[in-house]
Protein backbone atom coordinates (compact mmCIF):
# COMPACT_ATOMS: atom_id res chain seq x y z
CA MET A 1 4.63 -7.58 -16.34
CA LYS A 2 2.91 -8.46 -13.11
CA LEU A 3 5.20 -9.02 -10.05
CA THR A 4 5.78 -12.54 -9.36
CA SER A 5 5.26 -14.30 -5.95
CA ASP A 6 8.89 -14.34 -5.62
CA PHE A 7 8.78 -10.49 -5.10
CA TYR A 8 6.46 -10.62 -2.19
CA LEU A 9 7.69 -13.84 -0.50
CA ARG A 10 10.97 -12.26 0.68
CA PRO A 11 11.54 -11.77 4.24
CA ASP A 12 12.66 -8.14 4.39
CA VAL A 13 9.41 -6.08 4.51
CA VAL A 14 11.39 -2.74 4.57
CA GLN A 15 13.20 -3.59 1.37
CA ILE A 16 9.94 -4.55 -0.23
CA ALA A 17 8.42 -1.31 0.83
CA LYS A 18 11.25 0.62 -0.83
CA GLU A 19 11.10 -1.47 -4.02
CA LEU A 20 7.34 -1.09 -4.42
CA LEU A 21 8.12 2.71 -5.08
CA GLY A 22 8.15 3.04 -8.92
CA LYS A 23 5.82 0.00 -9.43
CA MET A 24 2.52 0.36 -10.98
CA LEU A 25 -0.78 -0.46 -9.05
CA ILE A 26 -3.56 -1.44 -11.43
CA THR A 27 -7.22 -2.18 -10.72
CA ASN A 28 -9.90 -3.71 -12.89
CA ILE A 29 -12.90 -3.10 -10.76
CA ASP A 30 -16.43 -2.67 -12.12
CA ARG A 31 -15.10 -2.98 -15.58
CA ARG A 32 -13.12 0.16 -15.02
CA LEU A 33 -9.31 0.15 -15.41
CA THR A 34 -7.34 2.38 -13.29
CA ALA A 35 -3.54 2.56 -12.73
CA GLY A 36 -0.91 4.69 -10.97
CA ILE A 37 2.70 4.66 -10.00
CA ILE A 38 3.37 3.83 -6.28
CA VAL A 39 5.16 6.89 -4.61
CA GLU A 40 4.70 6.32 -1.02
CA THR A 41 4.59 3.24 1.31
CA GLU A 42 4.92 2.10 4.82
CA ALA A 43 6.37 -1.16 6.17
CA TYR A 44 4.70 -3.06 9.10
CA ALA A 45 6.83 -5.90 10.51
CA GLY A 46 4.26 -8.14 12.10
CA VAL A 47 4.66 -9.61 15.50
CA ILE A 48 7.73 -7.55 16.47
CA ASP A 49 6.23 -4.26 15.30
CA LYS A 50 3.94 -2.44 17.76
CA ALA A 51 2.50 -0.49 15.05
CA SER A 52 1.31 -3.72 13.29
CA HIS A 53 -2.19 -5.24 13.46
CA ALA A 54 -0.38 -8.42 14.10
CA TRP A 55 1.76 -7.13 16.97
CA SER A 56 2.51 -9.87 19.44
CA GLY A 57 0.82 -12.49 17.34
CA ARG A 58 -2.53 -11.16 17.25
CA ASN A 59 -4.67 -13.11 14.84
CA THR A 60 -8.29 -11.93 14.55
CA THR A 61 -11.00 -12.18 12.03
CA ARG A 62 -9.80 -8.86 10.58
CA THR A 63 -6.10 -9.72 10.58
CA GLN A 64 -6.06 -13.37 9.55
CA THR A 65 -5.41 -12.23 5.95
CA MET A 66 -1.98 -10.83 7.11
CA TYR A 67 -0.92 -14.36 7.87
CA LEU A 68 -1.57 -15.66 4.28
CA ALA A 69 1.34 -16.06 1.86
CA GLY A 70 3.04 -12.87 0.42
CA GLY A 71 1.16 -11.45 -2.80
CA THR A 72 -2.29 -11.04 -1.07
CA ALA A 73 -4.20 -7.82 -0.62
CA TYR A 74 -5.10 -6.83 3.01
CA VAL A 75 -7.66 -4.14 2.99
CA TYR A 76 -8.97 -2.90 6.31
CA LEU A 77 -11.46 -0.10 7.48
CA CYS A 78 -9.98 2.86 9.31
CA TYR A 79 -12.29 5.08 11.33
CA GLY A 80 -15.13 3.11 9.81
CA ILE A 81 -14.68 5.23 6.73
CA HIS A 82 -11.48 4.76 4.78
CA HIS A 83 -10.54 1.42 3.04
CA LEU A 84 -6.68 0.99 3.34
CA PHE A 85 -4.90 -1.25 0.76
CA ASN A 86 -1.80 -3.18 1.97
CA VAL A 87 0.29 -5.79 0.32
CA VAL A 88 0.96 -8.82 2.44
CA THR A 89 4.67 -9.90 2.22
CA ASN A 90 6.74 -12.91 3.41
CA ARG A 91 5.85 -16.38 3.75
CA GLU A 92 2.53 -17.86 5.18
CA GLN A 93 2.08 -17.35 8.91
CA VAL A 94 4.62 -14.39 8.93
CA PRO A 95 2.20 -11.31 9.02
CA HIS A 96 4.32 -8.64 7.31
CA ALA A 97 2.52 -6.11 5.21
CA VAL A 98 3.29 -2.80 3.22
CA LEU A 99 0.69 -0.01 3.29
CA VAL A 100 0.45 1.80 -0.13
CA ARG A 101 0.04 5.45 0.73
CA ALA A 102 0.15 7.46 -2.41
CA LEU A 103 -0.07 7.05 -6.17
CA GLU A 104 0.91 9.27 -9.19
CA PRO A 105 -2.27 8.64 -11.33
CA VAL A 106 -1.46 7.30 -14.96
CA LYS A 107 -4.59 5.61 -16.37
CA GLY A 108 -8.42 5.99 -15.70
CA ILE A 109 -8.04 9.38 -14.21
CA ASN A 110 -11.57 10.39 -15.08
CA THR A 111 -12.89 7.30 -13.26
CA MET A 112 -10.68 8.20 -10.18
CA LEU A 113 -12.15 11.74 -10.16
CA GLN A 114 -15.70 10.52 -10.34
CA ARG A 115 -15.01 8.03 -7.58
CA ARG A 116 -13.68 10.72 -5.43
CA ASN A 117 -16.44 13.32 -6.50
CA LYS A 118 -13.66 15.71 -7.61
CA GLU A 119 -13.39 17.98 -10.62
CA LYS A 120 -9.80 19.13 -10.42
CA LEU A 121 -6.70 16.84 -10.85
CA ASP A 122 -4.37 17.42 -7.94
CA PHE A 123 -2.26 15.57 -5.41
CA THR A 124 -5.14 15.09 -3.05
CA LEU A 125 -6.79 12.60 -5.66
CA THR A 126 -4.50 9.72 -4.67
CA SER A 127 -2.52 11.08 -1.77
CA GLY A 128 -3.26 9.24 1.57
CA PRO A 129 -4.14 5.71 1.76
CA GLY A 130 -7.95 6.26 2.09
CA SER A 131 -8.03 8.64 -0.90
CA LEU A 132 -5.96 6.19 -3.04
CA SER A 133 -8.17 3.20 -2.27
CA GLU A 134 -11.19 5.30 -3.15
CA ALA A 135 -9.87 6.45 -6.56
CA MET A 136 -8.79 2.92 -7.37
CA GLY A 137 -12.18 1.38 -6.48
CA ILE A 138 -10.45 -0.81 -3.62
CA LYS A 139 -12.76 -1.86 -0.72
CA THR A 140 -12.56 -4.28 2.34
CA THR A 141 -14.33 -6.86 0.14
CA HIS A 142 -11.06 -7.20 -1.78
CA SER A 143 -9.03 -8.19 1.17
CA GLY A 144 -7.67 -11.65 0.79
CA ILE A 145 -7.51 -11.71 -3.00
CA ASP A 146 -4.49 -12.83 -4.99
CA LEU A 147 -2.46 -10.07 -6.45
CA GLN A 148 -1.62 -12.24 -9.43
CA GLY A 149 -5.39 -11.99 -10.32
CA LYS A 150 -7.56 -9.78 -12.54
CA GLN A 151 -8.95 -7.26 -10.20
CA ILE A 152 -5.84 -5.70 -8.51
CA TRP A 153 -2.25 -6.36 -9.38
CA ILE A 154 1.06 -4.51 -9.44
CA GLU A 155 3.41 -4.30 -12.45
CA ASP A 156 7.20 -3.75 -12.84
CA THR A 157 7.42 -0.61 -14.88
CA GLY A 158 11.27 -0.99 -15.28
CA LEU A 159 11.50 2.14 -13.15
CA THR A 160 13.95 1.79 -10.18
CA ILE A 161 14.05 4.47 -7.59
CA PRO A 162 17.65 5.08 -6.29
CA GLU A 163 18.18 4.83 -2.51
CA THR A 164 19.26 8.51 -2.65
CA ASP A 165 15.76 9.44 -4.06
CA ILE A 166 13.87 7.70 -1.25
CA ILE A 167 12.96 9.69 1.87
CA ALA A 168 12.71 7.60 4.94
CA SER A 169 10.73 8.93 7.98
CA PRO A 170 8.43 7.77 10.87
CA ARG A 171 5.05 6.45 9.90
CA VAL A 172 1.72 8.32 10.04
CA GLY A 173 -0.85 8.06 12.78
CA VAL A 174 0.83 5.21 14.95
CA GLY A 175 1.53 7.16 18.12
CA TYR A 176 0.23 4.15 20.12
CA ALA A 177 3.10 2.32 18.95
CA GLU A 178 5.27 3.91 21.66
CA ASP A 179 9.06 3.76 20.56
CA HIS A 180 8.11 1.87 17.42
CA ALA A 181 6.34 4.96 16.05
CA LEU A 182 9.88 6.49 15.75
CA TRP A 183 10.92 3.81 13.13
CA ASN A 184 11.78 5.24 9.72
CA TYR A 185 9.42 2.72 7.96
CA ARG A 186 7.61 5.38 5.79
CA PHE A 187 9.10 5.86 2.30
CA ARG A 188 8.42 8.47 -0.28
CA VAL A 189 9.94 9.39 -3.60
CA ARG A 190 11.87 12.63 -3.20
CA GLY A 191 10.49 15.55 -4.91
CA ASN A 192 7.40 13.78 -6.22
CA LYS A 193 4.22 15.97 -5.86
CA TRP A 194 1.85 13.25 -5.43
CA THR A 195 3.05 12.00 -2.05
CA SER A 196 1.15 13.00 1.02
CA LYS A 197 2.48 15.96 2.95
CA ALA A 198 5.33 15.46 5.44
CA ARG A 199 4.66 15.63 9.25
């Protein structure tokens, strides 16, 4: 069952980032269905978070999607190459977001391999947000779409990851965020081989 708006509209972005672990991200892009279990996320707490694109109320052409109501896709380009998929959370005008960093592939694996130009199935297929988006067919053109729609959505699989099985650590590549770079806002499923490597 698709996650409802109530899931995304809650105020605690950290809790949502944890609860997205174990949920299934599904795409139906170019008539090709792909799906994977979310095993790694990062929380970004909007205007109070120096690592967030919306830090201190920044609202640009790129980030305006973050100010939409929770349950919206926010996809941005990193280093001019990688398309990074985020889930907007909280109510409208509160720019919280969760970056989805890694998936355990479940459906459409051959399609994922083709998109990634890979022959061998291993953790590098969907580990790291750029690889994940490429495998799932997600691009910046999907930014702003409703996650209740027919292209990208997230389903509740009935799997709940216990708090004791969630590893919390600092986020990746946010050294510019000064003291906020040390916040333990990155969450991984303990022992899962599909997460990106620890740093």
